[in-house]
C-alpha atoms as a PDB file:
ATOM      1  CA  MET A   1      40.901 -49.879 -52.583  1.00  0.00           C
ATOM      2  CA  THR A   2      41.609 -46.268 -53.359  1.00  0.00           C
ATOM      3  CA  SER A   3      41.213 -43.762 -50.578  1.00  0.00           C
ATOM      4  CA  PRO A   4      38.564 -41.068 -51.022  1.00  0.00           C
ATOM      5  CA  ILE A   5      39.730 -37.764 -52.376  1.00  0.00           C
ATOM      6  CA  THR A   6      39.498 -34.962 -49.821  1.00  0.00           C
ATOM      7  CA  LEU A   7      39.774 -31.328 -50.709  1.00  0.00           C
ATOM      8  CA  PRO A   8      41.340 -28.954 -48.187  1.00  0.00           C
ATOM      9  CA  LEU A   9      39.036 -26.278 -46.866  1.00  0.00           C
ATOM     10  CA  PRO A  10      39.961 -22.658 -47.549  1.00  0.00           C
ATOM     11  CA  ALA A  11      41.962 -21.156 -44.715  1.00  0.00           C
ATOM     12  CA  ALA A  12      39.117 -18.778 -43.878  1.00  0.00           C
ATOM     13  CA  TRP A  13      36.818 -21.739 -43.222  1.00  0.00           C
ATOM     14  CA  HIS A  14      39.006 -23.403 -40.607  1.00  0.00           C
ATOM     15  CA  VAL A  15      37.891 -22.987 -36.999  1.00  0.00           C
ATOM     16  CA  PRO A  16      40.906 -21.858 -34.950  1.00  0.00           C
ATOM     17  CA  PRO A  17      41.514 -23.691 -31.679  1.00  0.00           C
ATOM     18  CA  ALA A  18      40.305 -21.800 -28.640  1.00  0.00           C
ATOM     19  CA  ALA A  19      43.005 -20.363 -26.394  1.00  0.00           C
ATOM     20  CA  PRO A  20      43.148 -21.781 -22.851  1.00  0.00           C
ATOM     21  CA  ALA A  21      42.431 -18.346 -21.386  1.00  0.00           C
ATOM     22  CA  VAL A  22      39.149 -18.169 -23.339  1.00  0.00           C
ATOM     23  CA  ILE A  23      38.143 -21.650 -22.156  1.00  0.00           C
ATOM     24  CA  TRP A  24      38.949 -20.706 -18.571  1.00  0.00           C
ATOM     25  CA  GLY A  25      37.029 -17.460 -18.943  1.00  0.00           C
ATOM     26  CA  LEU A  26      33.951 -19.234 -20.260  1.00  0.00           C
ATOM     27  CA  GLY A  27      34.275 -21.708 -17.395  1.00  0.00           C
ATOM     28  CA  VAL A  28      34.239 -18.855 -14.886  1.00  0.00           C
ATOM     29  CA  VAL A  29      31.130 -17.400 -16.522  1.00  0.00           C
ATOM     30  CA  LEU A  30      29.374 -20.776 -16.391  1.00  0.00           C
ATOM     31  CA  ALA A  31      30.321 -21.151 -12.729  1.00  0.00           C
ATOM     32  CA  ILE A  32      28.866 -17.725 -11.936  1.00  0.00           C
ATOM     33  CA  LEU A  33      25.679 -18.588 -13.818  1.00  0.00           C
ATOM     34  CA  SER A  34      25.431 -21.868 -11.936  1.00  0.00           C
ATOM     35  CA  LEU A  35      25.648 -19.985  -8.638  1.00  0.00           C
ATOM     36  CA  GLY A  36      22.943 -17.628  -9.875  1.00  0.00           C
ATOM     37  CA  ALA A  37      20.706 -20.547 -10.814  1.00  0.00           C
ATOM     38  CA  LEU A  38      21.316 -22.119  -7.413  1.00  0.00           C
ATOM     39  CA  ALA A  39      20.434 -18.854  -5.671  1.00  0.00           C
ATOM     40  CA  ALA A  40      17.254 -18.518  -7.732  1.00  0.00           C
ATOM     41  CA  ALA A  41      16.255 -22.040  -6.672  1.00  0.00           C
ATOM     42  CA  LEU A  42      17.119 -21.656  -2.970  1.00  0.00           C
ATOM     43  CA  LEU A  43      15.923 -18.124  -2.232  1.00  0.00           C
ATOM     44  CA  PRO A  44      12.184 -19.019  -2.321  1.00  0.00           C
ATOM     45  CA  VAL A  45      12.932 -21.660   0.314  1.00  0.00           C
ATOM     46  CA  VAL A  46      15.288 -19.608   2.481  1.00  0.00           C
ATOM     47  CA  ARG A  47      13.367 -16.340   2.230  1.00  0.00           C
ATOM     48  CA  PRO A  48       9.766 -17.169   1.324  1.00  0.00           C
ATOM     49  CA  GLY A  49       7.142 -14.530   0.744  1.00  0.00           C
ATOM     50  CA  LYS A  50       8.957 -12.674  -2.048  1.00  0.00           C
ATOM     51  CA  ASP A  51       8.580 -13.016  -5.784  1.00  0.00           C
ATOM     52  CA  TYR A  52      11.787 -14.240  -7.428  1.00  0.00           C
ATOM     53  CA  THR A  53      10.309 -14.677 -10.890  1.00  0.00           C
ATOM     54  CA  ASN A  54      12.392 -11.871 -12.372  1.00  0.00           C
ATOM     55  CA  LEU A  55      15.597 -13.356 -10.959  1.00  0.00           C
ATOM     56  CA  ARG A  56      14.820 -16.761 -12.461  1.00  0.00           C
ATOM     57  CA  GLN A  57      13.992 -15.173 -15.804  1.00  0.00           C
ATOM     58  CA  ARG A  58      17.213 -13.180 -15.839  1.00  0.00           C
ATOM     59  CA  VAL A  59      19.344 -16.235 -15.042  1.00  0.00           C
ATOM     60  CA  ASN A  60      17.588 -18.395 -17.639  1.00  0.00           C
ATOM     61  CA  SER A  61      18.032 -15.690 -20.259  1.00  0.00           C
ATOM     62  CA  TRP A  62      21.718 -15.418 -19.406  1.00  0.00           C
ATOM     63  CA  TRP A  63      22.165 -19.139 -20.101  1.00  0.00           C
ATOM     64  CA  VAL A  64      20.817 -18.656 -23.622  1.00  0.00           C
ATOM     65  CA  MET A  65      22.823 -15.486 -24.301  1.00  0.00           C
ATOM     66  CA  ILE A  66      26.081 -16.982 -23.022  1.00  0.00           C
ATOM     67  CA  ALA A  67      25.522 -20.141 -25.064  1.00  0.00           C
ATOM     68  CA  LEU A  68      25.053 -18.120 -28.254  1.00  0.00           C
ATOM     69  CA  LEU A  69      28.042 -15.843 -27.616  1.00  0.00           C
ATOM     70  CA  ALA A  70      30.340 -18.703 -26.575  1.00  0.00           C
ATOM     71  CA  THR A  71      29.411 -20.760 -29.641  1.00  0.00           C
ATOM     72  CA  ALA A  72      30.039 -17.815 -31.959  1.00  0.00           C
ATOM     73  CA  LEU A  73      33.419 -17.014 -30.409  1.00  0.00           C
ATOM     74  CA  LEU A  74      34.567 -20.634 -30.543  1.00  0.00           C
ATOM     75  CA  LEU A  75      33.488 -20.997 -34.195  1.00  0.00           C
ATOM     76  CA  GLY A  76      35.465 -17.950 -35.315  1.00  0.00           C
ATOM     77  CA  TRP A  77      34.973 -14.627 -37.048  1.00  0.00           C
ATOM     78  CA  GLN A  78      32.286 -15.837 -39.462  1.00  0.00           C
ATOM     79  CA  ALA A  79      29.873 -16.908 -36.726  1.00  0.00           C
ATOM     80  CA  THR A  80      30.705 -13.880 -34.562  1.00  0.00           C
ATOM     81  CA  THR A  81      30.088 -11.475 -37.444  1.00  0.00           C
ATOM     82  CA  ALA A  82      26.768 -13.157 -38.253  1.00  0.00           C
ATOM     83  CA  LEU A  83      25.702 -13.027 -34.601  1.00  0.00           C
ATOM     84  CA  PHE A  84      26.484  -9.326 -34.258  1.00  0.00           C
ATOM     85  CA  ALA A  85      24.668  -8.607 -37.514  1.00  0.00           C
ATOM     86  CA  VAL A  86      21.565 -10.231 -35.996  1.00  0.00           C
ATOM     87  CA  ILE A  87      22.057  -8.285 -32.757  1.00  0.00           C
ATOM     88  CA  SER A  88      22.322  -5.036 -34.742  1.00  0.00           C
ATOM     89  CA  PHE A  89      19.174  -5.864 -36.706  1.00  0.00           C
ATOM     90  CA  ILE A  90      17.141  -6.558 -33.554  1.00  0.00           C
ATOM     91  CA  ALA A  91      18.505  -3.494 -31.762  1.00  0.00           C
ATOM     92  CA  LEU A  92      17.802  -1.209 -34.739  1.00  0.00           C
ATOM     93  CA  ARG A  93      14.305  -2.658 -35.131  1.00  0.00           C
ATOM     94  CA  GLU A  94      13.589  -1.944 -31.469  1.00  0.00           C
ATOM     95  CA  PHE A  95      14.905   1.578 -31.776  1.00  0.00           C
ATOM     96  CA  LEU A  96      12.986   2.393 -34.966  1.00  0.00           C
ATOM     97  CA  SER A  97       9.799   0.879 -33.555  1.00  0.00           C
ATOM     98  CA  LEU A  98      10.004   3.292 -30.620  1.00  0.00           C
ATOM     99  CA  ALA A  99      11.166   6.400 -32.474  1.00  0.00           C
ATOM    100  CA  PRO A 100       8.403   8.633 -33.869  1.00  0.00           C
ATOM    101  CA  SER A 101       7.750   7.872 -37.540  1.00  0.00           C
ATOM    102  CA  ARG A 102       5.188   8.375 -40.315  1.00  0.00           C
ATOM    103  CA  ARG A 103       3.944   6.211 -43.189  1.00  0.00           C
ATOM    104  CA  GLU A 104       6.120   8.121 -45.621  1.00  0.00           C
ATOM    105  CA  ASP A 105       9.176   7.080 -43.610  1.00  0.00           C
ATOM    106  CA  ARG A 106       8.910   3.464 -44.783  1.00  0.00           C
ATOM    107  CA  LEU A 107      11.362   3.898 -47.653  1.00  0.00           C
ATOM    108  CA  ILE A 108      13.973   5.442 -45.360  1.00  0.00           C
ATOM    109  CA  ILE A 109      13.443   2.746 -42.725  1.00  0.00           C
ATOM    110  CA  LEU A 110      13.918   0.049 -45.370  1.00  0.00           C
ATOM    111  CA  ALA A 111      17.141   1.743 -46.452  1.00  0.00           C
ATOM    112  CA  ALA A 112      18.281   1.752 -42.810  1.00  0.00           C
ATOM    113  CA  TYR A 113      17.802  -2.014 -42.568  1.00  0.00           C
ATOM    114  CA  LEU A 114      19.764  -2.508 -45.799  1.00  0.00           C
ATOM    115  CA  VAL A 115      22.690  -0.722 -44.161  1.00  0.00           C
ATOM    116  CA  ILE A 116      23.178  -3.678 -41.790  1.00  0.00           C
ATOM    117  CA  PRO A 117      24.270  -6.347 -44.324  1.00  0.00           C
ATOM    118  CA  ILE A 118      26.428  -3.805 -46.153  1.00  0.00           C
ATOM    119  CA  ASN A 119      28.097  -2.709 -42.924  1.00  0.00           C
ATOM    120  CA  TYR A 120      28.907  -6.270 -41.842  1.00  0.00           C
ATOM    121  CA  ALA A 121      30.002  -7.180 -45.367  1.00  0.00           C
ATOM    122  CA  PHE A 122      32.808  -4.665 -44.891  1.00  0.00           C
ATOM    123  CA  VAL A 123      33.724  -6.545 -41.706  1.00  0.00           C
ATOM    124  CA  ALA A 124      33.701  -9.899 -43.512  1.00  0.00           C
ATOM    125  CA  LEU A 125      35.785  -8.473 -46.379  1.00  0.00           C
ATOM    126  CA  ASP A 126      38.193  -6.865 -43.891  1.00  0.00           C
ATOM    127  CA  GLN A 127      37.648  -3.398 -45.377  1.00  0.00           C
ATOM    128  CA  TYR A 128      38.510  -1.398 -42.281  1.00  0.00           C
ATOM    129  CA  GLY A 129      38.996   1.944 -44.027  1.00  0.00           C
ATOM    130  CA  VAL A 130      35.622   1.763 -45.759  1.00  0.00           C
ATOM    131  CA  TYR A 131      33.927   0.555 -42.566  1.00  0.00           C
ATOM    132  CA  LEU A 132      35.137   3.626 -40.683  1.00  0.00           C
ATOM    133  CA  VAL A 133      33.384   6.075 -43.004  1.00  0.00           C
ATOM    134  CA  PHE A 134      30.408   4.166 -44.428  1.00  0.00           C
ATOM    135  CA  ILE A 135      27.829   4.972 -41.731  1.00  0.00           C
ATOM    136  CA  PRO A 136      29.295   8.149 -40.154  1.00  0.00           C
ATOM    137  CA  VAL A 137      29.874   9.871 -43.512  1.00  0.00           C
ATOM    138  CA  TYR A 138      27.982   8.315 -46.402  1.00  0.00           C
ATOM    139  CA  CYS A 139      24.823   7.194 -44.595  1.00  0.00           C
ATOM    140  CA  PHE A 140      24.865  10.587 -42.910  1.00  0.00           C
ATOM    141  CA  MET A 141      24.662  12.201 -46.346  1.00  0.00           C
ATOM    142  CA  VAL A 142      22.466   9.736 -48.237  1.00  0.00           C
ATOM    143  CA  ALA A 143      19.633   9.296 -45.702  1.00  0.00           C
ATOM    144  CA  PRO A 144      18.704  13.028 -45.509  1.00  0.00           C
ATOM    145  CA  PHE A 145      18.994  13.248 -49.291  1.00  0.00           C
ATOM    146  CA  LEU A 146      16.503  10.389 -49.731  1.00  0.00           C
ATOM    147  CA  MET A 147      14.159  12.067 -47.257  1.00  0.00           C
ATOM    148  CA  ALA A 148      14.332  15.268 -49.265  1.00  0.00           C
ATOM    149  CA  CYS A 149      13.724  13.405 -52.553  1.00  0.00           C
ATOM    150  CA  VAL A 150      10.431  11.976 -51.289  1.00  0.00           C
ATOM    151  CA  GLY A 151       9.383  15.333 -49.871  1.00  0.00           C
ATOM    152  CA  GLN A 152       9.706  14.564 -46.168  1.00  0.00           C
ATOM    153  CA  THR A 153      10.287  18.048 -44.812  1.00  0.00           C
ATOM    154  CA  GLN A 154       8.175  18.057 -41.649  1.00  0.00           C
ATOM    155  CA  ALA A 155      10.451  17.715 -38.591  1.00  0.00           C
ATOM    156  CA  TYR A 156      13.168  17.041 -41.163  1.00  0.00           C
ATOM    157  CA  LEU A 157      16.229  17.693 -38.997  1.00  0.00           C
ATOM    158  CA  ALA A 158      14.886  15.799 -35.995  1.00  0.00           C
ATOM    159  CA  ARG A 159      13.940  12.723 -38.025  1.00  0.00           C
ATOM    160  CA  ALA A 160      17.210  12.661 -39.970  1.00  0.00           C
ATOM    161  CA  ALA A 161      19.191  12.965 -36.734  1.00  0.00           C
ATOM    162  CA  THR A 162      17.130  10.217 -35.078  1.00  0.00           C
ATOM    163  CA  LEU A 163      17.734   7.824 -37.957  1.00  0.00           C
ATOM    164  CA  HIS A 164      21.459   8.484 -38.037  1.00  0.00           C
ATOM    165  CA  TRP A 165      21.765   8.170 -34.256  1.00  0.00           C
ATOM    166  CA  GLY A 166      20.080   4.767 -34.455  1.00  0.00           C
ATOM    167  CA  LEU A 167      22.436   3.559 -37.203  1.00  0.00           C
ATOM    168  CA  VAL A 168      25.556   4.699 -35.372  1.00  0.00           C
ATOM    169  CA  THR A 169      24.420   3.245 -32.058  1.00  0.00           C
ATOM    170  CA  CYS A 170      22.886  -0.067 -33.137  1.00  0.00           C
ATOM    171  CA  VAL A 171      25.031  -0.946 -36.160  1.00  0.00           C
ATOM    172  CA  TYR A 172      28.278   1.010 -36.382  1.00  0.00           C
ATOM    173  CA  SER A 173      29.288   0.896 -32.722  1.00  0.00           C
ATOM    174  CA  LEU A 174      28.403  -2.760 -32.194  1.00  0.00           C
ATOM    175  CA  GLY A 175      30.233  -3.730 -35.382  1.00  0.00           C
ATOM    176  CA  PHE A 176      33.589  -2.886 -33.810  1.00  0.00           C
ATOM    177  CA  ALA A 177      33.258  -5.957 -31.582  1.00  0.00           C
ATOM    178  CA  ALA A 178      32.938  -8.154 -34.671  1.00  0.00           C
ATOM    179  CA  PHE A 179      35.842  -6.393 -36.389  1.00  0.00           C
ATOM    180  CA  LEU A 180      38.168  -7.412 -33.563  1.00  0.00           C
ATOM    181  CA  MET A 181      37.735 -11.015 -34.711  1.00  0.00           C
ATOM    182  CA  LYS A 182      39.464 -10.049 -37.980  1.00  0.00           C
ATOM    183  CA  THR A 183      42.692  -9.195 -36.164  1.00  0.00           C
ATOM    184  CA  PRO A 184      45.446 -11.283 -37.840  1.00  0.00           C
ATOM    185  CA  LEU A 185      47.195 -13.930 -35.770  1.00  0.00           C
ATOM    186  CA  THR A 186      50.502 -12.268 -36.604  1.00  0.00           C
ATOM    187  CA  GLU A 187      49.677  -9.715 -33.904  1.00  0.00           C
ATOM    188  CA  ARG A 188      50.833 -10.484 -30.379  1.00  0.00           C
ATOM    189  CA  LEU A 189      47.535 -11.737 -28.994  1.00  0.00           C
ATOM    190  CA  PRO A 190      47.712 -13.710 -25.734  1.00  0.00           C
ATOM    191  CA  ALA A 191      44.379 -15.447 -26.374  1.00  0.00           C
ATOM    192  CA  GLY A 192      43.718 -14.753 -30.041  1.00  0.00           C
ATOM    193  CA  PRO A 193      40.957 -12.502 -31.425  1.00  0.00           C
ATOM    194  CA  ALA A 194      38.317 -14.420 -29.453  1.00  0.00           C
ATOM    195  CA  GLY A 195      40.098 -13.503 -26.223  1.00  0.00           C
ATOM    196  CA  MET A 196      39.836  -9.795 -26.994  1.00  0.00           C
ATOM    197  CA  VAL A 197      36.121 -10.014 -27.787  1.00  0.00           C
ATOM    198  CA  PHE A 198      35.452 -12.186 -24.742  1.00  0.00           C
ATOM    199  CA  LEU A 199      37.164  -9.645 -22.478  1.00  0.00           C
ATOM    200  CA  LEU A 200      35.116  -6.801 -23.966  1.00  0.00           C
ATOM    201  CA  LEU A 201      31.797  -8.613 -23.455  1.00  0.00           C
ATOM    202  CA  PHE A 202      32.709  -9.935 -20.012  1.00  0.00           C
ATOM    203  CA  VAL A 203      33.841  -6.646 -18.462  1.00  0.00           C
ATOM    204  CA  THR A 204      30.983  -4.686 -20.065  1.00  0.00           C
ATOM    205  CA  GLU A 205      28.373  -6.951 -18.501  1.00  0.00           C
ATOM    206  CA  LEU A 206      30.369  -7.237 -15.272  1.00  0.00           C
ATOM    207  CA  ASN A 207      30.307  -3.452 -14.979  1.00  0.00           C
ATOM    208  CA  ASP A 208      26.491  -3.417 -15.203  1.00  0.00           C
ATOM    209  CA  VAL A 209      26.132  -6.202 -12.631  1.00  0.00           C
ATOM    210  CA  ALA A 210      28.731  -4.725 -10.266  1.00  0.00           C
ATOM    211  CA  GLN A 211      27.077  -1.302 -10.332  1.00  0.00           C
ATOM    212  CA  TYR A 212      23.735  -2.908  -9.540  1.00  0.00           C
ATOM    213  CA  VAL A 213      25.132  -4.981  -6.647  1.00  0.00           C
ATOM    214  CA  TRP A 214      27.137  -2.144  -5.081  1.00  0.00           C
ATOM    215  CA  GLY A 215      24.170   0.167  -5.469  1.00  0.00           C
ATOM    216  CA  LYS A 216      21.833  -2.294  -3.760  1.00  0.00           C
ATOM    217  CA  LEU A 217      24.262  -2.837  -0.895  1.00  0.00           C
ATOM    218  CA  PHE A 218      25.493   0.700  -0.225  1.00  0.00           C
ATOM    219  CA  GLY A 219      23.611   3.066  -2.527  1.00  0.00           C
ATOM    220  CA  ARG A 220      22.467   6.315  -0.901  1.00  0.00           C
ATOM    221  CA  ARG A 221      23.267   9.324  -3.097  1.00  0.00           C
ATOM    222  CA  LYS A 222      21.604   9.573  -6.516  1.00  0.00           C
ATOM    223  CA  ILE A 223      23.920  10.208  -9.454  1.00  0.00           C
ATOM    224  CA  THR A 224      21.383  10.854 -12.263  1.00  0.00           C
ATOM    225  CA  PRO A 225      18.043  11.306 -10.466  1.00  0.00           C
ATOM    226  CA  LYS A 226      16.201  12.785 -13.460  1.00  0.00           C
ATOM    227  CA  VAL A 227      17.333  10.089 -15.902  1.00  0.00           C
ATOM    228  CA  SER A 228      17.863   6.899 -13.903  1.00  0.00           C
ATOM    229  CA  PRO A 229      16.706   7.360 -10.289  1.00  0.00           C
ATOM    230  CA  ASN A 230      17.981   3.959  -9.136  1.00  0.00           C
ATOM    231  CA  LYS A 231      21.623   4.700  -9.975  1.00  0.00           C
ATOM    232  CA  THR A 232      23.781   5.927  -7.121  1.00  0.00           C
ATOM    233  CA  TRP A 233      27.287   7.256  -6.686  1.00  0.00           C
ATOM    234  CA  GLU A 234      28.111   4.261  -4.505  1.00  0.00           C
ATOM    235  CA  GLY A 235      26.974   1.855  -7.208  1.00  0.00           C
ATOM    236  CA  PHE A 236      28.830   3.741  -9.931  1.00  0.00           C
ATOM    237  CA  LEU A 237      32.112   3.954  -8.016  1.00  0.00           C
ATOM    238  CA  GLY A 238      31.879   0.362  -6.754  1.00  0.00           C
ATOM    239  CA  GLY A 239      31.179  -0.921 -10.259  1.00  0.00           C
ATOM    240  CA  TRP A 240      33.970   1.202 -11.726  1.00  0.00           C
ATOM    241  CA  ALA A 241      36.511  -0.053  -9.154  1.00  0.00           C
ATOM    242  CA  THR A 242      35.474  -3.698  -9.591  1.00  0.00           C
ATOM    243  CA  THR A 243      35.598  -3.591 -13.382  1.00  0.00           C
ATOM    244  CA  ALA A 244      38.854  -1.625 -13.462  1.00  0.00           C
ATOM    245  CA  ALA A 245      40.479  -4.193 -11.155  1.00  0.00           C
ATOM    246  CA  VAL A 246      39.347  -7.098 -13.339  1.00  0.00           C
ATOM    247  CA  ILE A 247      40.680  -5.394 -16.473  1.00  0.00           C
ATOM    248  CA  TRP A 248      43.970  -4.568 -14.766  1.00  0.00           C
ATOM    249  CA  PHE A 249      44.657  -8.032 -13.335  1.00  0.00           C
ATOM    250  CA  LEU A 250      42.989 -10.375 -15.845  1.00  0.00           C
ATOM    251  CA  GLY A 251      42.972  -8.277 -19.027  1.00  0.00           C
ATOM    252  CA  PRO A 252      46.581  -9.052 -20.083  1.00  0.00           C
ATOM    253  CA  TYR A 253      45.739 -12.778 -20.225  1.00  0.00           C
ATOM    254  CA  LEU A 254      43.038 -12.143 -22.843  1.00  0.00           C
ATOM    255  CA  ALA A 255      44.117  -9.019 -24.738  1.00  0.00           C
ATOM    256  CA  PRO A 256      47.404  -7.251 -25.582  1.00  0.00           C
ATOM    257  CA  LEU A 257      47.168  -4.846 -22.649  1.00  0.00           C
ATOM    258  CA  ALA A 258      50.318  -3.382 -21.128  1.00  0.00           C
ATOM    259  CA  GLY A 259      51.665  -0.087 -19.872  1.00  0.00           C
ATOM    260  CA  TRP A 260      49.534   2.963 -20.551  1.00  0.00           C
ATOM    261  CA  GLY A 261      47.143   0.984 -22.715  1.00  0.00           C
ATOM    262  CA  ARG A 262      46.342  -1.231 -19.756  1.00  0.00           C
ATOM    263  CA  PHE A 263      45.893   1.788 -17.503  1.00  0.00           C
ATOM    264  CA  TRP A 264      43.589   3.704 -19.834  1.00  0.00           C
ATOM    265  CA  MET A 265      41.528   0.620 -20.599  1.00  0.00           C
ATOM    266  CA  ALA A 266      40.981  -0.071 -16.903  1.00  0.00           C
ATOM    267  CA  PHE A 267      40.217   3.580 -16.212  1.00  0.00           C
ATOM    268  CA  ALA A 268      37.997   4.492 -19.171  1.00  0.00           C
ATOM    269  CA  LEU A 269      36.047   1.369 -20.149  1.00  0.00           C
ATOM    270  CA  PRO A 270      33.847   1.234 -16.995  1.00  0.00           C
ATOM    271  CA  LEU A 271      33.073   4.929 -17.489  1.00  0.00           C
ATOM    272  CA  ALA A 272      32.026   4.260 -21.081  1.00  0.00           C
ATOM    273  CA  GLY A 273      29.751   1.436 -19.945  1.00  0.00           C
ATOM    274  CA  PHE A 274      28.054   3.689 -17.436  1.00  0.00           C
ATOM    275  CA  ALA A 275      27.691   6.425 -20.078  1.00  0.00           C
ATOM    276  CA  GLY A 276      26.039   4.024 -22.528  1.00  0.00           C
ATOM    277  CA  ASP A 277      23.585   2.822 -19.906  1.00  0.00           C
ATOM    278  CA  VAL A 278      22.610   6.341 -18.833  1.00  0.00           C
ATOM    279  CA  THR A 279      22.353   7.578 -22.428  1.00  0.00           C
ATOM    280  CA  MET A 280      19.923   4.818 -23.377  1.00  0.00           C
ATOM    281  CA  SER A 281      17.959   5.478 -20.192  1.00  0.00           C
ATOM    282  CA  ALA A 282      17.600   9.104 -21.302  1.00  0.00           C
ATOM    283  CA  VAL A 283      16.366   7.974 -24.723  1.00  0.00           C
ATOM    284  CA  LYS A 284      13.773   5.659 -23.179  1.00  0.00           C
ATOM    285  CA  ARG A 285      12.652   8.349 -20.756  1.00  0.00           C
ATOM    286  CA  ASP A 286      12.228  10.774 -23.650  1.00  0.00           C
ATOM    287  CA  ILE A 287      10.130   8.230 -25.565  1.00  0.00           C
ATOM    288  CA  GLY A 288       8.229   7.205 -22.431  1.00  0.00           C
ATOM    289  CA  VAL A 289       9.053   3.482 -22.186  1.00  0.00           C
ATOM    290  CA  LYS A 290      10.745   1.342 -19.538  1.00  0.00           C
ATOM    291  CA  ASP A 291      12.204  -1.279 -21.902  1.00  0.00           C
ATOM    292  CA  THR A 292      12.872  -1.260 -25.624  1.00  0.00           C
ATOM    293  CA  SER A 293      10.955  -4.555 -25.974  1.00  0.00           C
ATOM    294  CA  ALA A 294      10.120  -7.770 -24.105  1.00  0.00           C
ATOM    295  CA  LEU A 295      12.361  -9.982 -26.253  1.00  0.00           C
ATOM    296  CA  ILE A 296      14.649 -11.180 -23.440  1.00  0.00           C
ATOM    297  CA  PRO A 297      12.694 -12.290 -20.324  1.00  0.00           C
ATOM    298  CA  GLY A 298      13.902 -10.466 -17.246  1.00  0.00           C
ATOM    299  CA  HIS A 299      16.104  -8.080 -19.220  1.00  0.00           C
ATOM    300  CA  GLY A 300      13.808  -6.263 -21.623  1.00  0.00           C
ATOM    301  CA  GLY A 301      14.930  -5.825 -25.212  1.00  0.00           C
ATOM    302  CA  MET A 302      18.147  -6.377 -27.088  1.00  0.00           C
ATOM    303  CA  LEU A 303      18.967  -2.676 -26.864  1.00  0.00           C
ATOM    304  CA  ASP A 304      18.410  -2.772 -23.097  1.00  0.00           C
ATOM    305  CA  ARG A 305      21.038  -5.500 -22.846  1.00  0.00           C
ATOM    306  CA  ALA A 306      23.474  -3.954 -25.342  1.00  0.00           C
ATOM    307  CA  ASP A 307      23.201  -0.296 -24.273  1.00  0.00           C
ATOM    308  CA  SER A 308      26.548  -0.249 -22.457  1.00  0.00           C
ATOM    309  CA  LEU A 309      28.219  -2.185 -25.273  1.00  0.00           C
ATOM    310  CA  THR A 310      27.305   0.533 -27.784  1.00  0.00           C
ATOM    311  CA  PHE A 311      29.757   2.798 -25.936  1.00  0.00           C
ATOM    312  CA  THR A 312      32.374   0.294 -24.744  1.00  0.00           C
ATOM    313  CA  ALA A 313      32.880  -1.520 -28.080  1.00  0.00           C
ATOM    314  CA  PRO A 314      34.256   1.445 -30.106  1.00  0.00           C
ATOM    315  CA  LEU A 315      36.329   2.748 -27.180  1.00  0.00           C
ATOM    316  CA  TYR A 316      37.797  -0.701 -26.475  1.00  0.00           C
ATOM    317  CA  PHE A 317      38.590  -1.194 -30.165  1.00  0.00           C
ATOM    318  CA  HIS A 318      40.322   2.151 -30.597  1.00  0.00           C
ATOM    319  CA  LEU A 319      42.322   1.912 -27.375  1.00  0.00           C
ATOM    320  CA  LEU A 320      43.644  -1.453 -28.553  1.00  0.00           C
ATOM    321  CA  ALA A 321      44.267  -0.026 -32.019  1.00  0.00           C
ATOM    322  CA  PHE A 322      46.171   2.938 -30.589  1.00  0.00           C
ATOM    323  CA  PHE A 323      48.283   1.089 -28.039  1.00  0.00           C
ATOM    324  CA  ALA A 324      48.672  -2.464 -29.325  1.00  0.00           C
ATOM    325  CA  LEU A 325      47.258  -3.504 -32.713  1.00  0.00           C
ATOM    326  CA  GLU A 326      49.296  -2.661 -35.813  1.00  0.00           C
ATOM    327  CA  ARG A 327      46.542  -3.852 -38.182  1.00  0.00           C
ATOM    328  CA  PHE A 328      44.252  -0.983 -37.198  1.00  0.00           C
END
């Protein structure tokens, strides 16, 4: 009997084995989520009389989000790029649904959505140089030109700026996280490309949670009372210190962090996360909404969950590019 003929898969289709540090990191996240689920189940018994529905919703939503992110990271750059393209689409849709618009804006809005597959195609094709300028330069020029061609001159500057801000925030900035997965294995990566992306996502969300916890425990002095009244200096500093410590001590196991690169990453990334959160809060306050949507129970919309990441992803990418990665 002749054996069946098997054709080797292209190298780009192979799923790389996950580094032990990534597996351990995902295990830690699952353990934390399990503790959160246990707390959500026990709190109504231990401290009855309060409504813990929001806590249960947040924990349940985290299970789904972590499952999707973990699966994408373990499958490789193709799945991660596709996932971030979907995230960008949902975030941009939320933003454009809230931003003031008119019927004549439909053509421009359609063009904005078409930017997403083109942008992530540059990621898939590993066209870093083109990616850098596509949205900041060419979309910046083309979108106002299209608006002028169809005669949209009322509030022209404000609407053009709003559209471009949405593209940079929801598509361009988030795309840097996906581009990290294209880092070649010839670089000195302690946990592969997936380790770098995992660290970015983990510390960005940790920063949000740590600021919330420290603020609840010790918060007294408001830091941005007119934009986000619940944020305090104690929460900000506690979250910054916690996240900086995690990056400093655990970061080198997941990303090529050493020397000054390690220092600046630990120092600046928590600040960027806070800036992204406050900036999106200002946008929502200007529009007059609490959440960008109700897509994620307990969290709000996709843009509510990814607001910090829109600032941390490009900073994280460029700090690594400057201090460690030769490819970029």
